[in-house]
Amino acid sequence: MVAEALIPLLEACKHKWFWALNKNLAVQVDDMVYVYPSILEHILYCIGDTMEWSVHHTIMLLFMYFNGYVFISCMIGAFIGFMLFQYKEIDPTRRGDNVSKRCCL
């Protein structure tokens, strides 16, 4: 009974994709090539994802205090963080392109 329940788990843990990788960390199926990260990159991604999840849930718990000052502090922190770290270019262009820098000036 227990062995039958473990069959799906053991099948999922075989990681057939991992054992099919070649030295370029890619698997070719017909005309498609699937590229996978290295084990170190995958571990680092998992650590980063866990840290992000933990921070999100900690902030959620702060909001659940129903304290106005904590709420406002979180909102100001989110605004400042977005302003500092999410500034991205709109559209990359080549130097010779004759494109206006701003719209409607």
PDB file of N, CA and C in Angstrom:
ATOM      1  N   MET A   1       0.826  -1.195   0.000  1.00  0.00           N
ATOM      2  CA  MET A   1       0.000   0.000   0.000  1.00  0.00           C
ATOM      3  C   MET A   1       0.869   1.257   0.000  1.00  0.00           C
ATOM      4  N   VAL A   2       1.852   1.301   0.894  1.00  0.00           N
ATOM      5  CA  VAL A   2       2.737   2.466   0.970  1.00  0.00           C
ATOM      6  C   VAL A   2       3.595   2.558  -0.284  1.00  0.00           C
ATOM      7  N   ALA A   3       4.061   1.417  -0.797  1.00  0.00           N
ATOM      8  CA  ALA A   3       4.899   1.409  -1.995  1.00  0.00           C
ATOM      9  C   ALA A   3       4.140   1.970  -3.197  1.00  0.00           C
ATOM     10  N   GLU A   4       2.857   1.661  -3.306  1.00  0.00           N
ATOM     11  CA  GLU A   4       2.057   2.181  -4.408  1.00  0.00           C
ATOM     12  C   GLU A   4       1.890   3.690  -4.306  1.00  0.00           C
ATOM     13  N   ALA A   5       1.816   4.206  -3.103  1.00  0.00           N
ATOM     14  CA  ALA A   5       1.672   5.646  -2.915  1.00  0.00           C
ATOM     15  C   ALA A   5       2.965   6.377  -3.244  1.00  0.00           C
ATOM     16  N   LEU A   6       4.097   5.711  -3.105  1.00  0.00           N
ATOM     17  CA  LEU A   6       5.386   6.348  -3.368  1.00  0.00           C
ATOM     18  C   LEU A   6       5.783   6.331  -4.839  1.00  0.00           C
ATOM     19  N   ILE A   7       5.102   5.572  -5.665  1.00  0.00           N
ATOM     20  CA  ILE A   7       5.477   5.455  -7.078  1.00  0.00           C
ATOM     21  C   ILE A   7       5.480   6.814  -7.784  1.00  0.00           C
ATOM     22  N   PRO A   8       4.436   7.661  -7.665  1.00  0.00           N
ATOM     23  CA  PRO A   8       4.498   8.963  -8.337  1.00  0.00           C
ATOM     24  C   PRO A   8       5.651   9.837  -7.835  1.00  0.00           C
ATOM     25  N   LEU A   9       5.909   9.799  -6.537  1.00  0.00           N
ATOM     26  CA  LEU A   9       7.008  10.588  -5.991  1.00  0.00           C
ATOM     27  C   LEU A   9       8.349  10.112  -6.535  1.00  0.00           C
ATOM     28  N   LEU A  10       8.566   8.829  -6.552  1.00  0.00           N
ATOM     29  CA  LEU A  10       9.823   8.285  -7.067  1.00  0.00           C
ATOM     30  C   LEU A  10       9.973   8.556  -8.557  1.00  0.00           C
ATOM     31  N   GLU A  11       8.879   8.515  -9.292  1.00  0.00           N
ATOM     32  CA  GLU A  11       8.930   8.812 -10.728  1.00  0.00           C
ATOM     33  C   GLU A  11       9.314  10.271 -10.958  1.00  0.00           C
ATOM     34  N   ALA A  12       8.771  11.165 -10.130  1.00  0.00           N
ATOM     35  CA  ALA A  12       9.097  12.587 -10.261  1.00  0.00           C
ATOM     36  C   ALA A  12      10.538  12.872  -9.862  1.00  0.00           C
ATOM     37  N   CYS A  13      11.073  12.100  -8.933  1.00  0.00           N
ATOM     38  CA  CYS A  13      12.442  12.333  -8.451  1.00  0.00           C
ATOM     39  C   CYS A  13      13.509  11.725  -9.354  1.00  0.00           C
ATOM     40  N   LYS A  14      13.122  11.047 -10.414  1.00  0.00           N
ATOM     41  CA  LYS A  14      14.127  10.460 -11.309  1.00  0.00           C
ATOM     42  C   LYS A  14      14.893  11.529 -12.086  1.00  0.00           C
ATOM     43  N   HIS A  15      14.293  12.665 -12.316  1.00  0.00           N
ATOM     44  CA  HIS A  15      14.927  13.773 -13.037  1.00  0.00           C
ATOM     45  C   HIS A  15      15.486  13.306 -14.376  1.00  0.00           C
ATOM     46  N   LYS A  16      14.625  12.762 -15.205  1.00  0.00           N
ATOM     47  CA  LYS A  16      15.074  12.273 -16.513  1.00  0.00           C
ATOM     48  C   LYS A  16      15.716  13.386 -17.329  1.00  0.00           C
ATOM     49  N   TRP A  17      15.223  14.622 -17.185  1.00  0.00           N
ATOM     50  CA  TRP A  17      15.812  15.735 -17.919  1.00  0.00           C
ATOM     51  C   TRP A  17      17.261  15.938 -17.498  1.00  0.00           C
ATOM     52  N   PHE A  18      17.566  15.745 -16.209  1.00  0.00           N
ATOM     53  CA  PHE A  18      18.923  15.973 -15.713  1.00  0.00           C
ATOM     54  C   PHE A  18      19.900  14.953 -16.288  1.00  0.00           C
ATOM     55  N   TRP A  19      19.487  13.703 -16.346  1.00  0.00           N
ATOM     56  CA  TRP A  19      20.389  12.665 -16.838  1.00  0.00           C
ATOM     57  C   TRP A  19      20.519  12.704 -18.351  1.00  0.00           C
ATOM     58  N   ALA A  20      19.639  13.413 -19.047  1.00  0.00           N
ATOM     59  CA  ALA A  20      19.722  13.525 -20.503  1.00  0.00           C
ATOM     60  C   ALA A  20      20.587  14.698 -20.943  1.00  0.00           C
ATOM     61  N   LEU A  21      21.085  15.503 -20.007  1.00  0.00           N
ATOM     62  CA  LEU A  21      21.882  16.676 -20.366  1.00  0.00           C
ATOM     63  C   LEU A  21      23.221  16.262 -20.962  1.00  0.00           C
ATOM     64  N   ASN A  22      23.674  17.020 -21.940  1.00  0.00           N
ATOM     65  CA  ASN A  22      25.014  16.814 -22.462  1.00  0.00           C
ATOM     66  C   ASN A  22      25.946  17.858 -21.842  1.00  0.00           C
ATOM     67  N   LYS A  23      27.184  17.958 -22.330  1.00  0.00           N
ATOM     68  CA  LYS A  23      28.136  18.882 -21.704  1.00  0.00           C
ATOM     69  C   LYS A  23      27.742  20.347 -21.889  1.00  0.00           C
ATOM     70  N   ASN A  24      26.865  20.644 -22.841  1.00  0.00           N
ATOM     71  CA  ASN A  24      26.405  22.019 -23.061  1.00  0.00           C
ATOM     72  C   ASN A  24      25.157  22.351 -22.252  1.00  0.00           C
ATOM     73  N   LEU A  25      24.763  21.461 -21.352  1.00  0.00           N
ATOM     74  CA  LEU A  25      23.561  21.632 -20.532  1.00  0.00           C
ATOM     75  C   LEU A  25      22.322  21.824 -21.397  1.00  0.00           C
ATOM     76  N   ALA A  26      22.212  21.013 -22.433  1.00  0.00           N
ATOM     77  CA  ALA A  26      21.083  21.124 -23.347  1.00  0.00           C
ATOM     78  C   ALA A  26      20.558  19.730 -23.688  1.00  0.00           C
ATOM     79  N   VAL A  27      19.272  19.680 -23.970  1.00  0.00           N
ATOM     80  CA  VAL A  27      18.626  18.447 -24.414  1.00  0.00           C
ATOM     81  C   VAL A  27      17.993  18.746 -25.761  1.00  0.00           C
ATOM     82  N   GLN A  28      18.271  17.905 -26.749  1.00  0.00           N
ATOM     83  CA  GLN A  28      17.695  18.110 -28.064  1.00  0.00           C
ATOM     84  C   GLN A  28      16.586  17.093 -28.293  1.00  0.00           C
ATOM     85  N   VAL A  29      15.389  17.612 -28.581  1.00  0.00           N
ATOM     86  CA  VAL A  29      14.236  16.772 -28.889  1.00  0.00           C
ATOM     87  C   VAL A  29      13.737  17.203 -30.257  1.00  0.00           C
ATOM     88  N   ASP A  30      13.895  16.325 -31.236  1.00  0.00           N
ATOM     89  CA  ASP A  30      13.572  16.629 -32.633  1.00  0.00           C
ATOM     90  C   ASP A  30      14.361  17.857 -33.066  1.00  0.00           C
ATOM     91  N   ASP A  31      13.665  18.924 -33.477  1.00  0.00           N
ATOM     92  CA  ASP A  31      14.386  20.124 -33.906  1.00  0.00           C
ATOM     93  C   ASP A  31      14.439  21.196 -32.811  1.00  0.00           C
ATOM     94  N   MET A  32      13.974  20.882 -31.623  1.00  0.00           N
ATOM     95  CA  MET A  32      13.993  21.828 -30.501  1.00  0.00           C
ATOM     96  C   MET A  32      15.170  21.523 -29.582  1.00  0.00           C
ATOM     97  N   VAL A  33      15.813  22.582 -29.074  1.00  0.00           N
ATOM     98  CA  VAL A  33      16.907  22.438 -28.118  1.00  0.00           C
ATOM     99  C   VAL A  33      16.486  23.133 -26.833  1.00  0.00           C
ATOM    100  N   TYR A  34      16.486  22.406 -25.733  1.00  0.00           N
ATOM    101  CA  TYR A  34      16.116  22.943 -24.430  1.00  0.00           C
ATOM    102  C   TYR A  34      17.391  23.124 -23.613  1.00  0.00           C
ATOM    103  N   VAL A  35      17.664  24.362 -23.216  1.00  0.00           N
ATOM    104  CA  VAL A  35      18.873  24.682 -22.461  1.00  0.00           C
ATOM    105  C   VAL A  35      18.501  24.813 -20.991  1.00  0.00           C
ATOM    106  N   TYR A  36      19.271  24.169 -20.132  1.00  0.00           N
ATOM    107  CA  TYR A  36      19.024  24.173 -18.695  1.00  0.00           C
ATOM    108  C   TYR A  36      20.179  24.846 -17.972  1.00  0.00           C
ATOM    109  N   PRO A  37      19.919  25.436 -16.793  1.00  0.00           N
ATOM    110  CA  PRO A  37      21.012  26.011 -16.000  1.00  0.00           C
ATOM    111  C   PRO A  37      21.867  24.905 -15.382  1.00  0.00           C
ATOM    112  N   SER A  38      23.081  25.282 -14.996  1.00  0.00           N
ATOM    113  CA  SER A  38      23.928  24.312 -14.306  1.00  0.00           C
ATOM    114  C   SER A  38      23.357  24.064 -12.910  1.00  0.00           C
ATOM    115  N   ILE A  39      23.888  23.058 -12.234  1.00  0.00           N
ATOM    116  CA  ILE A  39      23.401  22.738 -10.888  1.00  0.00           C
ATOM    117  C   ILE A  39      23.643  23.911  -9.944  1.00  0.00           C
ATOM    118  N   LEU A  40      24.823  24.538 -10.031  1.00  0.00           N
ATOM    119  CA  LEU A  40      25.120  25.685  -9.168  1.00  0.00           C
ATOM    120  C   LEU A  40      24.157  26.836  -9.438  1.00  0.00           C
ATOM    121  N   GLU A  41      23.891  27.134 -10.717  1.00  0.00           N
ATOM    122  CA  GLU A  41      22.940  28.193 -11.052  1.00  0.00           C
ATOM    123  C   GLU A  41      21.544  27.861 -10.532  1.00  0.00           C
ATOM    124  N   HIS A  42      21.160  26.609 -10.633  1.00  0.00           N
ATOM    125  CA  HIS A  42      19.840  26.193 -10.158  1.00  0.00           C
ATOM    126  C   HIS A  42      19.739  26.327  -8.638  1.00  0.00           C
ATOM    127  N   ILE A  43      20.798  25.940  -7.923  1.00  0.00           N
ATOM    128  CA  ILE A  43      20.802  26.070  -6.459  1.00  0.00           C
ATOM    129  C   ILE A  43      20.737  27.538  -6.064  1.00  0.00           C
ATOM    130  N   LEU A  44      21.523  28.397  -6.738  1.00  0.00           N
ATOM    131  CA  LEU A  44      21.496  29.831  -6.425  1.00  0.00           C
ATOM    132  C   LEU A  44      20.127  30.435  -6.720  1.00  0.00           C
ATOM    133  N   TYR A  45      19.498  30.019  -7.819  1.00  0.00           N
ATOM    134  CA  TYR A  45      18.163  30.504  -8.138  1.00  0.00           C
ATOM    135  C   TYR A  45      17.161  30.086  -7.062  1.00  0.00           C
ATOM    136  N   CYS A  46      17.271  28.851  -6.592  1.00  0.00           N
ATOM    137  CA  CYS A  46      16.361  28.362  -5.543  1.00  0.00           C
ATOM    138  C   CYS A  46      16.564  29.119  -4.235  1.00  0.00           C
ATOM    139  N   ILE A  47      17.816  29.402  -3.884  1.00  0.00           N
ATOM    140  CA  ILE A  47      18.094  30.177  -2.669  1.00  0.00           C
ATOM    141  C   ILE A  47      17.513  31.579  -2.802  1.00  0.00           C
ATOM    142  N   GLY A  48      17.724  32.221  -3.951  1.00  0.00           N
ATOM    143  CA  GLY A  48      17.174  33.555  -4.170  1.00  0.00           C
ATOM    144  C   GLY A  48      15.663  33.570  -4.137  1.00  0.00           C
ATOM    145  N   ASP A  49      15.042  32.569  -4.727  1.00  0.00           N
ATOM    146  CA  ASP A  49      13.584  32.484  -4.733  1.00  0.00           C
ATOM    147  C   ASP A  49      13.046  32.289  -3.320  1.00  0.00           C
ATOM    148  N   THR A  50      13.726  31.475  -2.518  1.00  0.00           N
ATOM    149  CA  THR A  50      13.309  31.261  -1.131  1.00  0.00           C
ATOM    150  C   THR A  50      13.444  32.542  -0.321  1.00  0.00           C
ATOM    151  N   MET A  51      14.531  33.282  -0.545  1.00  0.00           N
ATOM    152  CA  MET A  51      14.709  34.553   0.168  1.00  0.00           C
ATOM    153  C   MET A  51      13.619  35.551  -0.227  1.00  0.00           C
ATOM    154  N   GLU A  52      13.311  35.623  -1.531  1.00  0.00           N
ATOM    155  CA  GLU A  52      12.264  36.535  -1.992  1.00  0.00           C
ATOM    156  C   GLU A  52      10.917  36.162  -1.383  1.00  0.00           C
ATOM    157  N   TRP A  53      10.598  34.880  -1.369  1.00  0.00           N
ATOM    158  CA  TRP A  53       9.346  34.407  -0.779  1.00  0.00           C
ATOM    159  C   TRP A  53       9.280  34.775   0.701  1.00  0.00           C
ATOM    160  N   SER A  54      10.394  34.605   1.413  1.00  0.00           N
ATOM    161  CA  SER A  54      10.432  34.921   2.846  1.00  0.00           C
ATOM    162  C   SER A  54      10.212  36.409   3.093  1.00  0.00           C
ATOM    163  N   VAL A  55      10.851  37.250   2.278  1.00  0.00           N
ATOM    164  CA  VAL A  55      10.680  38.697   2.436  1.00  0.00           C
ATOM    165  C   VAL A  55       9.235  39.089   2.156  1.00  0.00           C
ATOM    166  N   HIS A  56       8.641  38.534   1.107  1.00  0.00           N
ATOM    167  CA  HIS A  56       7.245  38.866   0.784  1.00  0.00           C
ATOM    168  C   HIS A  56       6.305  38.489   1.927  1.00  0.00           C
ATOM    169  N   HIS A  57       6.513  37.334   2.510  1.00  0.00           N
ATOM    170  CA  HIS A  57       5.626  36.915   3.591  1.00  0.00           C
ATOM    171  C   HIS A  57       5.892  37.696   4.877  1.00  0.00           C
ATOM    172  N   THR A  58       7.119  38.110   5.105  1.00  0.00           N
ATOM    173  CA  THR A  58       7.408  38.958   6.264  1.00  0.00           C
ATOM    174  C   THR A  58       6.714  40.305   6.114  1.00  0.00           C
ATOM    175  N   ILE A  59       6.768  40.878   4.920  1.00  0.00           N
ATOM    176  CA  ILE A  59       6.081  42.154   4.681  1.00  0.00           C
ATOM    177  C   ILE A  59       4.574  41.975   4.819  1.00  0.00           C
ATOM    178  N   MET A  60       4.043  40.848   4.361  1.00  0.00           N
ATOM    179  CA  MET A  60       2.614  40.582   4.527  1.00  0.00           C
ATOM    180  C   MET A  60       2.240  40.560   6.009  1.00  0.00           C
ATOM    181  N   LEU A  61       3.088  39.944   6.830  1.00  0.00           N
ATOM    182  CA  LEU A  61       2.808  39.911   8.266  1.00  0.00           C
ATOM    183  C   LEU A  61       2.876  41.310   8.877  1.00  0.00           C
ATOM    184  N   LEU A  62       3.791  42.150   8.383  1.00  0.00           N
ATOM    185  CA  LEU A  62       3.850  43.531   8.874  1.00  0.00           C
ATOM    186  C   LEU A  62       2.554  44.272   8.551  1.00  0.00           C
ATOM    187  N   PHE A  63       2.028  44.074   7.328  1.00  0.00           N
ATOM    188  CA  PHE A  63       0.768  44.717   6.962  1.00  0.00           C
ATOM    189  C   PHE A  63      -0.379  44.222   7.842  1.00  0.00           C
ATOM    190  N   MET A  64      -0.300  43.003   8.297  1.00  0.00           N
ATOM    191  CA  MET A  64      -1.394  42.436   9.082  1.00  0.00           C
ATOM    192  C   MET A  64      -1.409  42.935  10.525  1.00  0.00           C
ATOM    193  N   TYR A  65      -0.421  43.748  10.905  1.00  0.00           N
ATOM    194  CA  TYR A  65      -0.464  44.365  12.230  1.00  0.00           C
ATOM    195  C   TYR A  65      -1.589  45.398  12.309  1.00  0.00           C
ATOM    196  N   PHE A  66      -2.055  45.883  11.162  1.00  0.00           N
ATOM    197  CA  PHE A  66      -3.079  46.922  11.078  1.00  0.00           C
ATOM    198  C   PHE A  66      -2.640  48.189  11.796  1.00  0.00           C
ATOM    199  N   ASN A  67      -1.345  48.445  11.750  1.00  0.00           N
ATOM    200  CA  ASN A  67      -0.785  49.664  12.310  1.00  0.00           C
ATOM    201  C   ASN A  67      -0.521  50.607  11.138  1.00  0.00           C
ATOM    202  N   GLY A  68      -1.098  51.784  11.184  1.00  0.00           N
ATOM    203  CA  GLY A  68      -0.969  52.737  10.088  1.00  0.00           C
ATOM    204  C   GLY A  68       0.464  53.132   9.804  1.00  0.00           C
ATOM    205  N   TYR A  69       1.270  53.294  10.844  1.00  0.00           N
ATOM    206  CA  TYR A  69       2.657  53.712  10.649  1.00  0.00           C
ATOM    207  C   TYR A  69       3.473  52.615   9.959  1.00  0.00           C
ATOM    208  N   VAL A  70       3.250  51.374  10.336  1.00  0.00           N
ATOM    209  CA  VAL A  70       3.952  50.264   9.681  1.00  0.00           C
ATOM    210  C   VAL A  70       3.511  50.170   8.224  1.00  0.00           C
ATOM    211  N   PHE A  71       2.217  50.344   7.962  1.00  0.00           N
ATOM    212  CA  PHE A  71       1.688  50.296   6.605  1.00  0.00           C
ATOM    213  C   PHE A  71       2.309  51.395   5.747  1.00  0.00           C
ATOM    214  N   ILE A  72       2.323  52.619   6.259  1.00  0.00           N
ATOM    215  CA  ILE A  72       2.894  53.745   5.513  1.00  0.00           C
ATOM    216  C   ILE A  72       4.385  53.534   5.293  1.00  0.00           C
ATOM    217  N   SER A  73       5.092  53.019   6.289  1.00  0.00           N
ATOM    218  CA  SER A  73       6.524  52.751   6.138  1.00  0.00           C
ATOM    219  C   SER A  73       6.774  51.723   5.038  1.00  0.00           C
ATOM    220  N   CYS A  74       5.961  50.690   4.980  1.00  0.00           N
ATOM    221  CA  CYS A  74       6.106  49.674   3.928  1.00  0.00           C
ATOM    222  C   CYS A  74       5.846  50.278   2.552  1.00  0.00           C
ATOM    223  N   MET A  75       4.836  51.125   2.448  1.00  0.00           N
ATOM    224  CA  MET A  75       4.521  51.740   1.161  1.00  0.00           C
ATOM    225  C   MET A  75       5.629  52.684   0.714  1.00  0.00           C
ATOM    226  N   ILE A  76       6.170  53.471   1.619  1.00  0.00           N
ATOM    227  CA  ILE A  76       7.277  54.370   1.279  1.00  0.00           C
ATOM    228  C   ILE A  76       8.506  53.558   0.878  1.00  0.00           C
ATOM    229  N   GLY A  77       8.784  52.478   1.602  1.00  0.00           N
ATOM    230  CA  GLY A  77       9.913  51.618   1.253  1.00  0.00           C
ATOM    231  C   GLY A  77       9.745  50.983  -0.115  1.00  0.00           C
ATOM    232  N   ALA A  78       8.527  50.555  -0.446  1.00  0.00           N
ATOM    233  CA  ALA A  78       8.270  49.973  -1.765  1.00  0.00           C
ATOM    234  C   ALA A  78       8.462  51.019  -2.857  1.00  0.00           C
ATOM    235  N   PHE A  79       8.004  52.245  -2.610  1.00  0.00           N
ATOM    236  CA  PHE A  79       8.154  53.324  -3.584  1.00  0.00           C
ATOM    237  C   PHE A  79       9.624  53.648  -3.817  1.00  0.00           C
ATOM    238  N   ILE A  80      10.383  53.803  -2.746  1.00  0.00           N
ATOM    239  CA  ILE A  80      11.803  54.147  -2.872  1.00  0.00           C
ATOM    240  C   ILE A  80      12.573  52.998  -3.524  1.00  0.00           C
ATOM    241  N   GLY A  81      12.276  51.763  -3.130  1.00  0.00           N
ATOM    242  CA  GLY A  81      12.938  50.614  -3.740  1.00  0.00           C
ATOM    243  C   GLY A  81      12.661  50.512  -5.227  1.00  0.00           C
ATOM    244  N   PHE A  82      11.414  50.764  -5.627  1.00  0.00           N
ATOM    245  CA  PHE A  82      11.071  50.710  -7.046  1.00  0.00           C
ATOM    246  C   PHE A  82      11.767  51.831  -7.802  1.00  0.00           C
ATOM    247  N   MET A  83      11.802  53.020  -7.211  1.00  0.00           N
ATOM    248  CA  MET A  83      12.463  54.150  -7.866  1.00  0.00           C
ATOM    249  C   MET A  83      13.962  53.904  -8.035  1.00  0.00           C
ATOM    250  N   LEU A  84      14.604  53.286  -7.065  1.00  0.00           N
ATOM    251  CA  LEU A  84      16.052  53.083  -7.126  1.00  0.00           C
ATOM    252  C   LEU A  84      16.461  51.908  -8.006  1.00  0.00           C
ATOM    253  N   PHE A  85      15.698  50.831  -7.987  1.00  0.00           N
ATOM    254  CA  PHE A  85      16.168  49.601  -8.614  1.00  0.00           C
ATOM    255  C   PHE A  85      15.397  49.171  -9.855  1.00  0.00           C
ATOM    256  N   GLN A  86      14.337  49.854 -10.229  1.00  0.00           N
ATOM    257  CA  GLN A  86      13.553  49.432 -11.388  1.00  0.00           C
ATOM    258  C   GLN A  86      13.596  50.434 -12.528  1.00  0.00           C
ATOM    259  N   TYR A  87      14.621  51.261 -12.599  1.00  0.00           N
ATOM    260  CA  TYR A  87      14.733  52.246 -13.675  1.00  0.00           C
ATOM    261  C   TYR A  87      15.339  51.561 -14.888  1.00  0.00           C
ATOM    262  N   LYS A  88      14.532  51.353 -15.918  1.00  0.00           N
ATOM    263  CA  LYS A  88      14.984  50.645 -17.114  1.00  0.00           C
ATOM    264  C   LYS A  88      14.770  51.518 -18.338  1.00  0.00           C
ATOM    265  N   GLU A  89      15.557  51.240 -19.375  1.00  0.00           N
ATOM    266  CA  GLU A  89      15.395  52.007 -20.609  1.00  0.00           C
ATOM    267  C   GLU A  89      14.069  51.661 -21.269  1.00  0.00           C
ATOM    268  N   ILE A  90      13.545  52.606 -22.021  1.00  0.00           N
ATOM    269  CA  ILE A  90      12.264  52.389 -22.681  1.00  0.00           C
ATOM    270  C   ILE A  90      12.456  51.574 -23.950  1.00  0.00           C
ATOM    271  N   ASP A  91      13.318  52.048 -24.831  1.00  0.00           N
ATOM    272  CA  ASP A  91      13.588  51.371 -26.093  1.00  0.00           C
ATOM    273  C   ASP A  91      15.031  51.626 -26.491  1.00  0.00           C
ATOM    274  N   PRO A  92      15.848  50.603 -26.620  1.00  0.00           N
ATOM    275  CA  PRO A  92      17.218  50.848 -27.071  1.00  0.00           C
ATOM    276  C   PRO A  92      17.221  51.213 -28.552  1.00  0.00           C
ATOM    277  N   THR A  93      17.987  52.229 -28.918  1.00  0.00           N
ATOM    278  CA  THR A  93      18.116  52.636 -30.314  1.00  0.00           C
ATOM    279  C   THR A  93      19.588  52.797 -30.644  1.00  0.00           C
ATOM    280  N   ARG A  94      19.883  52.755 -31.933  1.00  0.00           N
ATOM    281  CA  ARG A  94      21.259  52.979 -32.365  1.00  0.00           C
ATOM    282  C   ARG A  94      21.535  54.469 -32.416  1.00  0.00           C
ATOM    283  N   ARG A  95      22.796  54.802 -32.394  1.00  0.00           N
ATOM    284  CA  ARG A  95      23.191  56.208 -32.343  1.00  0.00           C
ATOM    285  C   ARG A  95      22.733  56.967 -33.585  1.00  0.00           C
ATOM    286  N   GLY A  96      22.765  56.341 -34.744  1.00  0.00           N
ATOM    287  CA  GLY A  96      22.419  57.019 -35.987  1.00  0.00           C
ATOM    288  C   GLY A  96      20.925  57.139 -36.241  1.00  0.00           C
ATOM    289  N   ASP A  97      20.113  56.493 -35.462  1.00  0.00           N
ATOM    290  CA  ASP A  97      18.666  56.552 -35.685  1.00  0.00           C
ATOM    291  C   ASP A  97      18.149  57.956 -35.417  1.00  0.00           C
ATOM    292  N   ASN A  98      17.262  58.410 -36.288  1.00  0.00           N
ATOM    293  CA  ASN A  98      16.686  59.737 -36.134  1.00  0.00           C
ATOM    294  C   ASN A  98      15.346  59.595 -35.411  1.00  0.00           C
ATOM    295  N   VAL A  99      15.420  59.361 -34.122  1.00  0.00           N
ATOM    296  CA  VAL A  99      14.225  59.154 -33.315  1.00  0.00           C
ATOM    297  C   VAL A  99      14.198  60.217 -32.233  1.00  0.00           C
ATOM    298  N   SER A 100      13.032  60.837 -32.054  1.00  0.00           N
ATOM    299  CA  SER A 100      12.939  61.858 -31.013  1.00  0.00           C
ATOM    300  C   SER A 100      13.096  61.213 -29.644  1.00  0.00           C
ATOM    301  N   LYS A 101      13.685  61.949 -28.731  1.00  0.00           N
ATOM    302  CA  LYS A 101      13.942  61.421 -27.393  1.00  0.00           C
ATOM    303  C   LYS A 101      12.677  61.380 -26.542  1.00  0.00           C
ATOM    304  N   ARG A 102      11.794  62.309 -26.720  1.00  0.00           N
ATOM    305  CA  ARG A 102      10.570  62.382 -25.917  1.00  0.00           C
ATOM    306  C   ARG A 102       9.359  62.533 -26.834  1.00  0.00           C
ATOM    307  N   CYS A 103       8.256  62.130 -26.318  1.00  0.00           N
ATOM    308  CA  CYS A 103       7.011  62.275 -27.056  1.00  0.00           C
ATOM    309  C   CYS A 103       6.339  63.591 -26.683  1.00  0.00           C
ATOM    310  N   CYS A 104       5.748  64.229 -27.633  1.00  0.00           N
ATOM    311  CA  CYS A 104       4.828  65.351 -27.423  1.00  0.00           C
ATOM    312  C   CYS A 104       5.484  66.567 -26.781  1.00  0.00           C
ATOM    313  N   LEU A 105       6.718  66.881 -27.107  1.00  0.00           N
ATOM    314  CA  LEU A 105       7.349  68.101 -26.563  1.00  0.00           C
ATOM    315  C   LEU A 105       7.237  69.241 -27.523  1.00  0.00           C
TER     316      LEU A 105
END
